[in-house]
PDB file of N, CA and C in Angstrom:
ATOM      1  N   MET A   1      98.504 -28.942-131.324  1.00  0.00           N
ATOM      2  CA  MET A   1      99.247 -28.493-132.479  1.00  0.00           C
ATOM      3  C   MET A   1      98.401 -27.456-133.216  1.00  0.00           C
ATOM      4  N   HIS A   2      99.070 -26.416-133.681  1.00  0.00           N
ATOM      5  CA  HIS A   2      98.390 -25.384-134.466  1.00  0.00           C
ATOM      6  C   HIS A   2      99.186 -25.162-135.752  1.00  0.00           C
ATOM      7  N   VAL A   3      98.554 -25.373-136.880  1.00  0.00           N
ATOM      8  CA  VAL A   3      99.208 -25.241-138.182  1.00  0.00           C
ATOM      9  C   VAL A   3      98.687 -23.998-138.882  1.00  0.00           C
ATOM     10  N   THR A   4      99.595 -23.204-139.432  1.00  0.00           N
ATOM     11  CA  THR A   4      99.233 -22.109-140.323  1.00  0.00           C
ATOM     12  C   THR A   4      99.834 -22.417-141.680  1.00  0.00           C
ATOM     13  N   ARG A   5      99.019 -22.603-142.655  1.00  0.00           N
ATOM     14  CA  ARG A   5      99.484 -22.806-144.028  1.00  0.00           C
ATOM     15  C   ARG A   5      99.911 -21.449-144.583  1.00  0.00           C
ATOM     16  N   PHE A   6     101.035 -21.430-145.270  1.00  0.00           N
ATOM     17  CA  PHE A   6     101.537 -20.165-145.807  1.00  0.00           C
ATOM     18  C   PHE A   6     100.482 -19.481-146.681  1.00  0.00           C
ATOM     19  N   LYS A   7      99.734 -20.256-147.449  1.00  0.00           N
ATOM     20  CA  LYS A   7      98.709 -19.689-148.328  1.00  0.00           C
ATOM     21  C   LYS A   7      97.600 -19.002-147.533  1.00  0.00           C
ATOM     22  N   ASP A   8      97.461 -19.340-146.250  1.00  0.00           N
ATOM     23  CA  ASP A   8      96.410 -18.769-145.406  1.00  0.00           C
ATOM     24  C   ASP A   8      96.926 -17.709-144.432  1.00  0.00           C
ATOM     25  N   ALA A   9      98.233 -17.474-144.416  1.00  0.00           N
ATOM     26  CA  ALA A   9      98.800 -16.496-143.472  1.00  0.00           C
ATOM     27  C   ALA A   9      98.235 -15.113-143.764  1.00  0.00           C
ATOM     28  N   LYS A  10      97.904 -14.389-142.726  1.00  0.00           N
ATOM     29  CA  LYS A  10      97.286 -13.071-142.847  1.00  0.00           C
ATOM     30  C   LYS A  10      98.340 -11.972-142.758  1.00  0.00           C
ATOM     31  N   PRO A  11      98.163 -10.921-143.546  1.00  0.00           N
ATOM     32  CA  PRO A  11      99.104  -9.805-143.481  1.00  0.00           C
ATOM     33  C   PRO A  11      98.914  -8.988-142.209  1.00  0.00           C
ATOM     34  N   TYR A  12      99.981  -8.345-141.792  1.00  0.00           N
ATOM     35  CA  TYR A  12      99.904  -7.327-140.747  1.00  0.00           C
ATOM     36  C   TYR A  12     100.731  -6.143-141.223  1.00  0.00           C
ATOM     37  N   PHE A  13     100.489  -4.983-140.652  1.00  0.00           N
ATOM     38  CA  PHE A  13     101.015  -3.740-141.202  1.00  0.00           C
ATOM     39  C   PHE A  13     101.715  -2.913-140.125  1.00  0.00           C
ATOM     40  N   PRO A  14     102.955  -3.283-139.784  1.00  0.00           N
ATOM     41  CA  PRO A  14     103.663  -2.529-138.749  1.00  0.00           C
ATOM     42  C   PRO A  14     104.072  -1.141-139.273  1.00  0.00           C
ATOM     43  N   PRO A  15     104.065  -0.139-138.415  1.00  0.00           N
ATOM     44  CA  PRO A  15     104.479   1.193-138.844  1.00  0.00           C
ATOM     45  C   PRO A  15     105.963   1.212-139.209  1.00  0.00           C
ATOM     46  N   GLY A  16     106.331   2.113-140.105  1.00  0.00           N
ATOM     47  CA  GLY A  16     107.731   2.276-140.467  1.00  0.00           C
ATOM     48  C   GLY A  16     108.273   1.206-141.388  1.00  0.00           C
ATOM     49  N   HIS A  17     107.419   0.385-141.979  1.00  0.00           N
ATOM     50  CA  HIS A  17     107.827  -0.663-142.918  1.00  0.00           C
ATOM     51  C   HIS A  17     107.370  -0.231-144.315  1.00  0.00           C
ATOM     52  N   ASN A  18     108.316  -0.049-145.217  1.00  0.00           N
ATOM     53  CA  ASN A  18     108.026   0.479-146.544  1.00  0.00           C
ATOM     54  C   ASN A  18     108.396  -0.528-147.617  1.00  0.00           C
ATOM     55  N   ASP A  19     107.514  -0.689-148.606  1.00  0.00           N
ATOM     56  CA  ASP A  19     107.711  -1.651-149.694  1.00  0.00           C
ATOM     57  C   ASP A  19     107.987  -3.050-149.149  1.00  0.00           C
ATOM     58  N   MET A  20     107.172  -3.425-148.160  1.00  0.00           N
ATOM     59  CA  MET A  20     107.287  -4.734-147.528  1.00  0.00           C
ATOM     60  C   MET A  20     105.901  -5.366-147.418  1.00  0.00           C
ATOM     61  N   ARG A  21     105.882  -6.668-147.455  1.00  0.00           N
ATOM     62  CA  ARG A  21     104.669  -7.431-147.178  1.00  0.00           C
ATOM     63  C   ARG A  21     104.984  -8.328-146.004  1.00  0.00           C
ATOM     64  N   CYS A  22     104.253  -8.151-144.916  1.00  0.00           N
ATOM     65  CA  CYS A  22     104.492  -8.889-143.674  1.00  0.00           C
ATOM     66  C   CYS A  22     103.328  -9.846-143.426  1.00  0.00           C
ATOM     67  N   LEU A  23     103.650 -11.097-143.153  1.00  0.00           N
ATOM     68  CA  LEU A  23     102.636 -12.115-142.870  1.00  0.00           C
ATOM     69  C   LEU A  23     102.904 -12.714-141.502  1.00  0.00           C
ATOM     70  N   ARG A  24     101.843 -12.901-140.724  1.00  0.00           N
ATOM     71  CA  ARG A  24     101.964 -13.528-139.413  1.00  0.00           C
ATOM     72  C   ARG A  24     101.791 -15.034-139.589  1.00  0.00           C
ATOM     73  N   LEU A  25     102.767 -15.809-139.085  1.00  0.00           N
ATOM     74  CA  LEU A  25     102.714 -17.260-139.206  1.00  0.00           C
ATOM     75  C   LEU A  25     102.190 -17.934-137.947  1.00  0.00           C
ATOM     76  N   GLN A  26     102.615 -17.455-136.791  1.00  0.00           N
ATOM     77  CA  GLN A  26     102.198 -18.026-135.506  1.00  0.00           C
ATOM     78  C   GLN A  26     102.087 -16.895-134.484  1.00  0.00           C
ATOM     79  N   GLY A  27     101.225 -17.064-133.516  1.00  0.00           N
ATOM     80  CA  GLY A  27     101.059 -16.075-132.456  1.00  0.00           C
ATOM     81  C   GLY A  27     100.153 -14.929-132.871  1.00  0.00           C
ATOM     82  N   HIS A  28      99.808 -14.102-131.892  1.00  0.00           N
ATOM     83  CA  HIS A  28      98.864 -12.990-132.104  1.00  0.00           C
ATOM     84  C   HIS A  28      97.622 -13.518-132.813  1.00  0.00           C
ATOM     85  N   GLU A  29      97.189 -12.842-133.879  1.00  0.00           N
ATOM     86  CA  GLU A  29      95.959 -13.256-134.558  1.00  0.00           C
ATOM     87  C   GLU A  29      96.127 -14.543-135.367  1.00  0.00           C
ATOM     88  N   ALA A  30      97.358 -15.039-135.515  1.00  0.00           N
ATOM     89  CA  ALA A  30      97.599 -16.271-136.284  1.00  0.00           C
ATOM     90  C   ALA A  30      97.380 -17.536-135.452  1.00  0.00           C
ATOM     91  N   GLY A  31      97.165 -17.384-134.162  1.00  0.00           N
ATOM     92  CA  GLY A  31      96.903 -18.572-133.355  1.00  0.00           C
ATOM     93  C   GLY A  31      97.527 -18.484-131.979  1.00  0.00           C
ATOM     94  N   PRO A  32      97.297 -19.494-131.174  1.00  0.00           N
ATOM     95  CA  PRO A  32      97.769 -19.470-129.796  1.00  0.00           C
ATOM     96  C   PRO A  32      99.293 -19.491-129.702  1.00  0.00           C
ATOM     97  N   ALA A  33      99.815 -18.785-128.709  1.00  0.00           N
ATOM     98  CA  ALA A  33     101.253 -18.764-128.448  1.00  0.00           C
ATOM     99  C   ALA A  33     101.463 -18.296-127.019  1.00  0.00           C
ATOM    100  N   GLU A  34     102.432 -18.866-126.353  1.00  0.00           N
ATOM    101  CA  GLU A  34     102.729 -18.476-124.972  1.00  0.00           C
ATOM    102  C   GLU A  34     104.038 -17.716-124.845  1.00  0.00           C
ATOM    103  N   GLN A  35     105.005 -17.981-125.715  1.00  0.00           N
ATOM    104  CA  GLN A  35     106.340 -17.424-125.557  1.00  0.00           C
ATOM    105  C   GLN A  35     106.735 -16.445-126.661  1.00  0.00           C
ATOM    106  N   LEU A  36     106.419 -16.812-127.922  1.00  0.00           N
ATOM    107  CA  LEU A  36     106.908 -16.003-129.037  1.00  0.00           C
ATOM    108  C   LEU A  36     105.938 -16.049-130.201  1.00  0.00           C
ATOM    109  N   TRP A  37     106.202 -15.201-131.171  1.00  0.00           N
ATOM    110  CA  TRP A  37     105.438 -15.220-132.408  1.00  0.00           C
ATOM    111  C   TRP A  37     106.402 -15.231-133.585  1.00  0.00           C
ATOM    112  N   LEU A  38     105.894 -15.687-134.741  1.00  0.00           N
ATOM    113  CA  LEU A  38     106.691 -15.782-135.957  1.00  0.00           C
ATOM    114  C   LEU A  38     106.009 -15.024-137.086  1.00  0.00           C
ATOM    115  N   GLY A  39     106.830 -14.363-137.880  1.00  0.00           N
ATOM    116  CA  GLY A  39     106.327 -13.707-139.073  1.00  0.00           C
ATOM    117  C   GLY A  39     107.325 -13.864-140.195  1.00  0.00           C
ATOM    118  N   VAL A  40     106.868 -13.635-141.390  1.00  0.00           N
ATOM    119  CA  VAL A  40     107.764 -13.624-142.543  1.00  0.00           C
ATOM    120  C   VAL A  40     107.481 -12.344-143.316  1.00  0.00           C
ATOM    121  N   SER A  41     108.551 -11.710-143.756  1.00  0.00           N
ATOM    122  CA  SER A  41     108.423 -10.460-144.504  1.00  0.00           C
ATOM    123  C   SER A  41     109.125 -10.588-145.837  1.00  0.00           C
ATOM    124  N   GLN A  42     108.510 -10.030-146.848  1.00  0.00           N
ATOM    125  CA  GLN A  42     109.119  -9.934-148.162  1.00  0.00           C
ATOM    126  C   GLN A  42     109.407  -8.453-148.408  1.00  0.00           C
ATOM    127  N   LEU A  43     110.670  -8.159-148.655  1.00  0.00           N
ATOM    128  CA  LEU A  43     111.091  -6.790-148.927  1.00  0.00           C
ATOM    129  C   LEU A  43     111.346  -6.660-150.418  1.00  0.00           C
ATOM    130  N   LEU A  44     110.615  -5.782-151.068  1.00  0.00           N
ATOM    131  CA  LEU A  44     110.860  -5.496-152.474  1.00  0.00           C
ATOM    132  C   LEU A  44     112.195  -4.788-152.629  1.00  0.00           C
ATOM    133  N   PRO A  45     112.746  -4.718-153.817  1.00  0.00           N
ATOM    134  CA  PRO A  45     113.944  -3.903-154.009  1.00  0.00           C
ATOM    135  C   PRO A  45     113.697  -2.487-153.481  1.00  0.00           C
ATOM    136  N   GLY A  46     114.600  -2.010-152.659  1.00  0.00           N
ATOM    137  CA  GLY A  46     114.432  -0.702-152.024  1.00  0.00           C
ATOM    138  C   GLY A  46     113.580  -0.723-150.768  1.00  0.00           C
ATOM    139  N   GLY A  47     112.974  -1.858-150.443  1.00  0.00           N
ATOM    140  CA  GLY A  47     112.153  -1.964-149.241  1.00  0.00           C
ATOM    141  C   GLY A  47     113.002  -1.772-147.996  1.00  0.00           C
ATOM    142  N   HIS A  48     112.382  -1.201-146.955  1.00  0.00           N
ATOM    143  CA  HIS A  48     113.149  -0.906-145.744  1.00  0.00           C
ATOM    144  C   HIS A  48     112.231  -0.628-144.556  1.00  0.00           C
ATOM    145  N   THR A  49     112.842  -0.661-143.383  1.00  0.00           N
ATOM    146  CA  THR A  49     112.171  -0.204-142.166  1.00  0.00           C
ATOM    147  C   THR A  49     112.886   1.049-141.679  1.00  0.00           C
ATOM    148  N   SER A  50     112.224   1.785-140.809  1.00  0.00           N
ATOM    149  CA  SER A  50     112.877   2.923-140.168  1.00  0.00           C
ATOM    150  C   SER A  50     113.838   2.413-139.095  1.00  0.00           C
ATOM    151  N   LEU A  51     114.753   3.264-138.666  1.00  0.00           N
ATOM    152  CA  LEU A  51     115.712   2.920-137.610  1.00  0.00           C
ATOM    153  C   LEU A  51     115.007   3.141-136.275  1.00  0.00           C
ATOM    154  N   ASP A  52     114.517   2.068-135.694  1.00  0.00           N
ATOM    155  CA  ASP A  52     113.745   2.124-134.455  1.00  0.00           C
ATOM    156  C   ASP A  52     114.183   1.028-133.504  1.00  0.00           C
ATOM    157  N   ALA A  53     113.833   1.199-132.240  1.00  0.00           N
ATOM    158  CA  ALA A  53     114.113   0.198-131.215  1.00  0.00           C
ATOM    159  C   ALA A  53     112.805  -0.238-130.565  1.00  0.00           C
ATOM    160  N   SER A  54     112.800  -1.451-130.045  1.00  0.00           N
ATOM    161  CA  SER A  54     111.687  -1.909-129.213  1.00  0.00           C
ATOM    162  C   SER A  54     112.291  -2.534-127.959  1.00  0.00           C
ATOM    163  N   GLN A  55     111.475  -2.768-126.983  1.00  0.00           N
ATOM    164  CA  GLN A  55     111.960  -3.347-125.734  1.00  0.00           C
ATOM    165  C   GLN A  55     112.039  -4.874-125.796  1.00  0.00           C
ATOM    166  N   LEU A  56     111.720  -5.442-126.951  1.00  0.00           N
ATOM    167  CA  LEU A  56     111.761  -6.892-127.119  1.00  0.00           C
ATOM    168  C   LEU A  56     112.864  -7.269-128.105  1.00  0.00           C
ATOM    169  N   GLU A  57     113.575  -8.349-127.813  1.00  0.00           N
ATOM    170  CA  GLU A  57     114.599  -8.796-128.754  1.00  0.00           C
ATOM    171  C   GLU A  57     113.942  -9.351-130.008  1.00  0.00           C
ATOM    172  N   LYS A  58     114.701  -9.322-131.108  1.00  0.00           N
ATOM    173  CA  LYS A  58     114.214  -9.800-132.387  1.00  0.00           C
ATOM    174  C   LYS A  58     115.272 -10.712-133.002  1.00  0.00           C
ATOM    175  N   TYR A  59     114.808 -11.735-133.689  1.00  0.00           N
ATOM    176  CA  TYR A  59     115.689 -12.630-134.442  1.00  0.00           C
ATOM    177  C   TYR A  59     115.238 -12.639-135.893  1.00  0.00           C
ATOM    178  N   TYR A  60     116.200 -12.436-136.793  1.00  0.00           N
ATOM    179  CA  TYR A  60     115.922 -12.451-138.225  1.00  0.00           C
ATOM    180  C   TYR A  60     116.727 -13.564-138.876  1.00  0.00           C
ATOM    181  N   VAL A  61     116.103 -14.292-139.800  1.00  0.00           N
ATOM    182  CA  VAL A  61     116.772 -15.301-140.611  1.00  0.00           C
ATOM    183  C   VAL A  61     116.428 -14.995-142.060  1.00  0.00           C
ATOM    184  N   VAL A  62     117.448 -14.800-142.891  1.00  0.00           N
ATOM    185  CA  VAL A  62     117.213 -14.531-144.306  1.00  0.00           C
ATOM    186  C   VAL A  62     116.931 -15.862-145.004  1.00  0.00           C
ATOM    187  N   LEU A  63     115.739 -15.988-145.543  1.00  0.00           N
ATOM    188  CA  LEU A  63     115.351 -17.206-146.241  1.00  0.00           C
ATOM    189  C   LEU A  63     115.715 -17.146-147.720  1.00  0.00           C
ATOM    190  N   GLU A  64     115.716 -15.930-148.261  1.00  0.00           N
ATOM    191  CA  GLU A  64     115.985 -15.749-149.685  1.00  0.00           C
ATOM    192  C   GLU A  64     116.476 -14.329-149.906  1.00  0.00           C
ATOM    193  N   GLY A  65     117.447 -14.154-150.755  1.00  0.00           N
ATOM    194  CA  GLY A  65     117.921 -12.826-151.094  1.00  0.00           C
ATOM    195  C   GLY A  65     118.996 -12.324-150.146  1.00  0.00           C
ATOM    196  N   GLU A  66     119.060 -11.007-150.021  1.00  0.00           N
ATOM    197  CA  GLU A  66     120.093 -10.340-149.234  1.00  0.00           C
ATOM    198  C   GLU A  66     119.458  -9.201-148.454  1.00  0.00           C
ATOM    199  N   LEU A  67     119.911  -9.005-147.220  1.00  0.00           N
ATOM    200  CA  LEU A  67     119.325  -8.007-146.337  1.00  0.00           C
ATOM    201  C   LEU A  67     120.424  -7.253-145.612  1.00  0.00           C
ATOM    202  N   VAL A  68     120.318  -5.930-145.590  1.00  0.00           N
ATOM    203  CA  VAL A  68     121.217  -5.093-144.806  1.00  0.00           C
ATOM    204  C   VAL A  68     120.532  -4.815-143.471  1.00  0.00           C
ATOM    205  N   VAL A  69     121.266  -5.010-142.372  1.00  0.00           N
ATOM    206  CA  VAL A  69     120.773  -4.689-141.037  1.00  0.00           C
ATOM    207  C   VAL A  69     121.717  -3.651-140.444  1.00  0.00           C
ATOM    208  N   GLU A  70     121.158  -2.544-139.997  1.00  0.00           N
ATOM    209  CA  GLU A  70     121.943  -1.468-139.384  1.00  0.00           C
ATOM    210  C   GLU A  70     121.380  -1.156-138.009  1.00  0.00           C
ATOM    211  N   ASN A  71     122.258  -0.729-137.094  1.00  0.00           N
ATOM    212  CA  ASN A  71     121.788  -0.329-135.765  1.00  0.00           C
ATOM    213  C   ASN A  71     122.210   1.096-135.409  1.00  0.00           C
ATOM    214  N   GLY A  72     122.714   1.840-136.375  1.00  0.00           N
ATOM    215  CA  GLY A  72     123.182   3.192-136.125  1.00  0.00           C
ATOM    216  C   GLY A  72     124.681   3.267-135.927  1.00  0.00           C
ATOM    217  N   ALA A  73     125.301   2.137-135.560  1.00  0.00           N
ATOM    218  CA  ALA A  73     126.752   2.068-135.375  1.00  0.00           C
ATOM    219  C   ALA A  73     127.376   1.017-136.281  1.00  0.00           C
ATOM    220  N   GLU A  74     126.645  -0.064-136.518  1.00  0.00           N
ATOM    221  CA  GLU A  74     127.146  -1.170-137.346  1.00  0.00           C
ATOM    222  C   GLU A  74     126.218  -1.389-138.530  1.00  0.00           C
ATOM    223  N   ARG A  75     126.803  -1.958-139.563  1.00  0.00           N
ATOM    224  CA  ARG A  75     126.044  -2.327-140.761  1.00  0.00           C
ATOM    225  C   ARG A  75     126.540  -3.706-141.183  1.00  0.00           C
ATOM    226  N   VAL A  76     125.621  -4.659-141.337  1.00  0.00           N
ATOM    227  CA  VAL A  76     125.986  -5.996-141.800  1.00  0.00           C
ATOM    228  C   VAL A  76     125.089  -6.372-142.971  1.00  0.00           C
ATOM    229  N   VAL A  77     125.637  -7.191-143.858  1.00  0.00           N
ATOM    230  CA  VAL A  77     124.874  -7.725-144.983  1.00  0.00           C
ATOM    231  C   VAL A  77     124.654  -9.200-144.708  1.00  0.00           C
ATOM    232  N   LEU A  78     123.397  -9.588-144.638  1.00  0.00           N
ATOM    233  CA  LEU A  78     123.031 -10.985-144.404  1.00  0.00           C
ATOM    234  C   LEU A  78     122.587 -11.601-145.718  1.00  0.00           C
ATOM    235  N   GLN A  79     123.021 -12.831-145.938  1.00  0.00           N
ATOM    236  CA  GLN A  79     122.605 -13.573-147.120  1.00  0.00           C
ATOM    237  C   GLN A  79     121.815 -14.795-146.688  1.00  0.00           C
ATOM    238  N   GLN A  80     121.372 -15.583-147.659  1.00  0.00           N
ATOM    239  CA  GLN A  80     120.508 -16.724-147.377  1.00  0.00           C
ATOM    240  C   GLN A  80     121.064 -17.568-146.235  1.00  0.00           C
ATOM    241  N   TRP A  81     120.212 -17.858-145.272  1.00  0.00           N
ATOM    242  CA  TRP A  81     120.442 -18.677-144.079  1.00  0.00           C
ATOM    243  C   TRP A  81     121.248 -17.967-142.995  1.00  0.00           C
ATOM    244  N   ASP A  82     121.722 -16.741-143.243  1.00  0.00           N
ATOM    245  CA  ASP A  82     122.359 -15.962-142.181  1.00  0.00           C
ATOM    246  C   ASP A  82     121.282 -15.473-141.226  1.00  0.00           C
ATOM    247  N   SER A  83     121.670 -15.273-139.973  1.00  0.00           N
ATOM    248  CA  SER A  83     120.712 -14.793-138.972  1.00  0.00           C
ATOM    249  C   SER A  83     121.330 -13.681-138.147  1.00  0.00           C
ATOM    250  N   CYS A  84     120.466 -12.952-137.458  1.00  0.00           N
ATOM    251  CA  CYS A  84     120.892 -11.802-136.670  1.00  0.00           C
ATOM    252  C   CYS A  84     119.959 -11.648-135.469  1.00  0.00           C
ATOM    253  N   ARG A  85     120.538 -11.383-134.312  1.00  0.00           N
ATOM    254  CA  ARG A  85     119.762 -11.047-133.111  1.00  0.00           C
ATOM    255  C   ARG A  85     119.893  -9.552-132.878  1.00  0.00           C
ATOM    256  N   VAL A  86     118.774  -8.909-132.599  1.00  0.00           N
ATOM    257  CA  VAL A  86     118.756  -7.506-132.211  1.00  0.00           C
ATOM    258  C   VAL A  86     118.301  -7.469-130.750  1.00  0.00           C
ATOM    259  N   ALA A  87     119.140  -6.907-129.899  1.00  0.00           N
ATOM    260  CA  ALA A  87     118.890  -6.917-128.450  1.00  0.00           C
ATOM    261  C   ALA A  87     117.740  -5.975-128.075  1.00  0.00           C
ATOM    262  N   PRO A  88     117.112  -6.224-126.927  1.00  0.00           N
ATOM    263  CA  PRO A  88     116.091  -5.299-126.451  1.00  0.00           C
ATOM    264  C   PRO A  88     116.665  -3.884-126.333  1.00  0.00           C
ATOM    265  N   GLY A  89     115.935  -2.908-126.842  1.00  0.00           N
ATOM    266  CA  GLY A  89     116.369  -1.524-126.776  1.00  0.00           C
ATOM    267  C   GLY A  89     117.353  -1.115-127.856  1.00  0.00           C
ATOM    268  N   GLU A  90     117.867  -2.072-128.632  1.00  0.00           N
ATOM    269  CA  GLU A  90     118.814  -1.758-129.706  1.00  0.00           C
ATOM    270  C   GLU A  90     118.044  -1.305-130.950  1.00  0.00           C
ATOM    271  N   LYS A  91     118.471  -0.210-131.539  1.00  0.00           N
ATOM    272  CA  LYS A  91     117.850   0.242-132.775  1.00  0.00           C
ATOM    273  C   LYS A  91     118.210  -0.702-133.902  1.00  0.00           C
ATOM    274  N   ARG A  92     117.320  -0.773-134.905  1.00  0.00           N
ATOM    275  CA  ARG A  92     117.600  -1.569-136.085  1.00  0.00           C
ATOM    276  C   ARG A  92     116.843  -0.990-137.276  1.00  0.00           C
ATOM    277  N   ALA A  93     117.496  -1.075-138.429  1.00  0.00           N
ATOM    278  CA  ALA A  93     116.861  -0.770-139.708  1.00  0.00           C
ATOM    279  C   ALA A  93     117.181  -1.917-140.652  1.00  0.00           C
ATOM    280  N   LEU A  94     116.196  -2.351-141.391  1.00  0.00           N
ATOM    281  CA  LEU A  94     116.364  -3.384-142.403  1.00  0.00           C
ATOM    282  C   LEU A  94     116.269  -2.718-143.766  1.00  0.00           C
ATOM    283  N   LYS A  95     117.108  -3.161-144.716  1.00  0.00           N
ATOM    284  CA  LYS A  95     117.086  -2.587-146.059  1.00  0.00           C
ATOM    285  C   LYS A  95     117.375  -3.662-147.091  1.00  0.00           C
ATOM    286  N   ASN A  96     116.641  -3.607-148.182  1.00  0.00           N
ATOM    287  CA  ASN A  96     116.948  -4.441-149.336  1.00  0.00           C
ATOM    288  C   ASN A  96     117.541  -3.513-150.393  1.00  0.00           C
ATOM    289  N   GLU A  97     118.852  -3.579-150.562  1.00  0.00           N
ATOM    290  CA  GLU A  97     119.543  -2.708-151.500  1.00  0.00           C
ATOM    291  C   GLU A  97     119.812  -3.390-152.836  1.00  0.00           C
ATOM    292  N   THR A  98     119.193  -4.534-153.069  1.00  0.00           N
ATOM    293  CA  THR A  98     119.404  -5.270-154.319  1.00  0.00           C
ATOM    294  C   THR A  98     118.204  -5.063-155.242  1.00  0.00           C
ATOM    295  N   ASN A  99     118.277  -5.652-156.407  1.00  0.00           N
ATOM    296  CA  ASN A  99     117.180  -5.600-157.375  1.00  0.00           C
ATOM    297  C   ASN A  99     116.302  -6.848-157.335  1.00  0.00           C
ATOM    298  N   ARG A 100     116.514  -7.695-156.307  1.00  0.00           N
ATOM    299  CA  ARG A 100     115.705  -8.904-156.123  1.00  0.00           C
ATOM    300  C   ARG A 100     115.000  -8.820-154.778  1.00  0.00           C
ATOM    301  N   ALA A 101     113.827  -9.393-154.691  1.00  0.00           N
ATOM    302  CA  ALA A 101     113.101  -9.425-153.420  1.00  0.00           C
ATOM    303  C   ALA A 101     113.883 -10.250-152.398  1.00  0.00           C
ATOM    304  N   ALA A 102     113.730  -9.893-151.138  1.00  0.00           N
ATOM    305  CA  ALA A 102     114.333 -10.633-150.024  1.00  0.00           C
ATOM    306  C   ALA A 102     113.203 -11.136-149.126  1.00  0.00           C
ATOM    307  N   THR A 103     113.373 -12.349-148.606  1.00  0.00           N
ATOM    308  CA  THR A 103     112.387 -12.940-147.696  1.00  0.00           C
ATOM    309  C   THR A 103     113.071 -13.224-146.373  1.00  0.00           C
ATOM    310  N   VAL A 104     112.448 -12.762-145.282  1.00  0.00           N
ATOM    311  CA  VAL A 104     113.056 -12.820-143.952  1.00  0.00           C
ATOM    312  C   VAL A 104     112.060 -13.406-142.954  1.00  0.00           C
ATOM    313  N   LEU A 105     112.527 -14.354-142.144  1.00  0.00           N
ATOM    314  CA  LEU A 105     111.750 -14.897-141.040  1.00  0.00           C
ATOM    315  C   LEU A 105     112.059 -14.077-139.795  1.00  0.00           C
ATOM    316  N   LEU A 106     111.034 -13.685-139.059  1.00  0.00           N
ATOM    317  CA  LEU A 106     111.169 -12.912-137.826  1.00  0.00           C
ATOM    318  C   LEU A 106     110.598 -13.719-136.675  1.00  0.00           C
ATOM    319  N   SER A 107     111.349 -13.773-135.577  1.00  0.00           N
ATOM    320  CA  SER A 107     110.868 -14.383-134.342  1.00  0.00           C
ATOM    321  C   SER A 107     111.047 -13.374-133.215  1.00  0.00           C
ATOM    322  N   MET A 108     109.981 -13.154-132.456  1.00  0.00           N
ATOM    323  CA  MET A 108     110.015 -12.216-131.339  1.00  0.00           C
ATOM    324  C   MET A 108     109.238 -12.791-130.155  1.00  0.00           C
ATOM    325  N   PRO A 109     109.689 -12.486-128.931  1.00  0.00           N
ATOM    326  CA  PRO A 109     108.870 -12.883-127.791  1.00  0.00           C
ATOM    327  C   PRO A 109     107.577 -12.087-127.768  1.00  0.00           C
ATOM    328  N   LEU A 110     106.578 -12.656-127.181  1.00  0.00           N
ATOM    329  CA  LEU A 110     105.342 -11.912-126.970  1.00  0.00           C
ATOM    330  C   LEU A 110     105.564 -10.865-125.884  1.00  0.00           C
ATOM    331  N   PRO A 111     104.861  -9.741-125.971  1.00  0.00           N
ATOM    332  CA  PRO A 111     105.003  -8.729-124.906  1.00  0.00           C
ATOM    333  C   PRO A 111     104.564  -9.307-123.562  1.00  0.00           C
ATOM    334  N   PRO A 112     105.140  -8.810-122.461  1.00  0.00           N
ATOM    335  CA  PRO A 112     104.713  -9.286-121.140  1.00  0.00           C
ATOM    336  C   PRO A 112     103.223  -9.013-120.931  1.00  0.00           C
ATOM    337  N   LYS A 113     102.572  -9.955-120.267  1.00  0.00           N
ATOM    338  CA  LYS A 113     101.148  -9.766-119.962  1.00  0.00           C
ATOM    339  C   LYS A 113     100.974  -8.760-118.859  1.00  0.00           C
ATOM    340  N   ALA A 114      99.961  -7.927-119.009  1.00  0.00           N
ATOM    341  CA  ALA A 114      99.696  -6.868-118.022  1.00  0.00           C
ATOM    342  C   ALA A 114      99.120  -7.437-116.747  1.00  0.00           C
TER     343      ALA A 114
END
């Protein structure tokens, strides 16, 4: 068993993330993982990511607040406890268009080992 206390979670700084605070909860530098990693992000009002794609699928769960997810063709508004899957290769942009912070849980598979 590997426990990460939220108070001890370390920040990470992905490119294209603006007015956001990202913390790694499990996997990568947060501890051992074989299949996936978990992170939590807090988006300030106006916080957003760029419209980008990766080759790995992503799962988002809104823990608090409201989050807009766009893929270039669709736009959805997620509220507390709503979730969204972004397919491998699908573009996505996250936006907080409210005046309250939003907190989002992210789950992604680990990249394939070389």
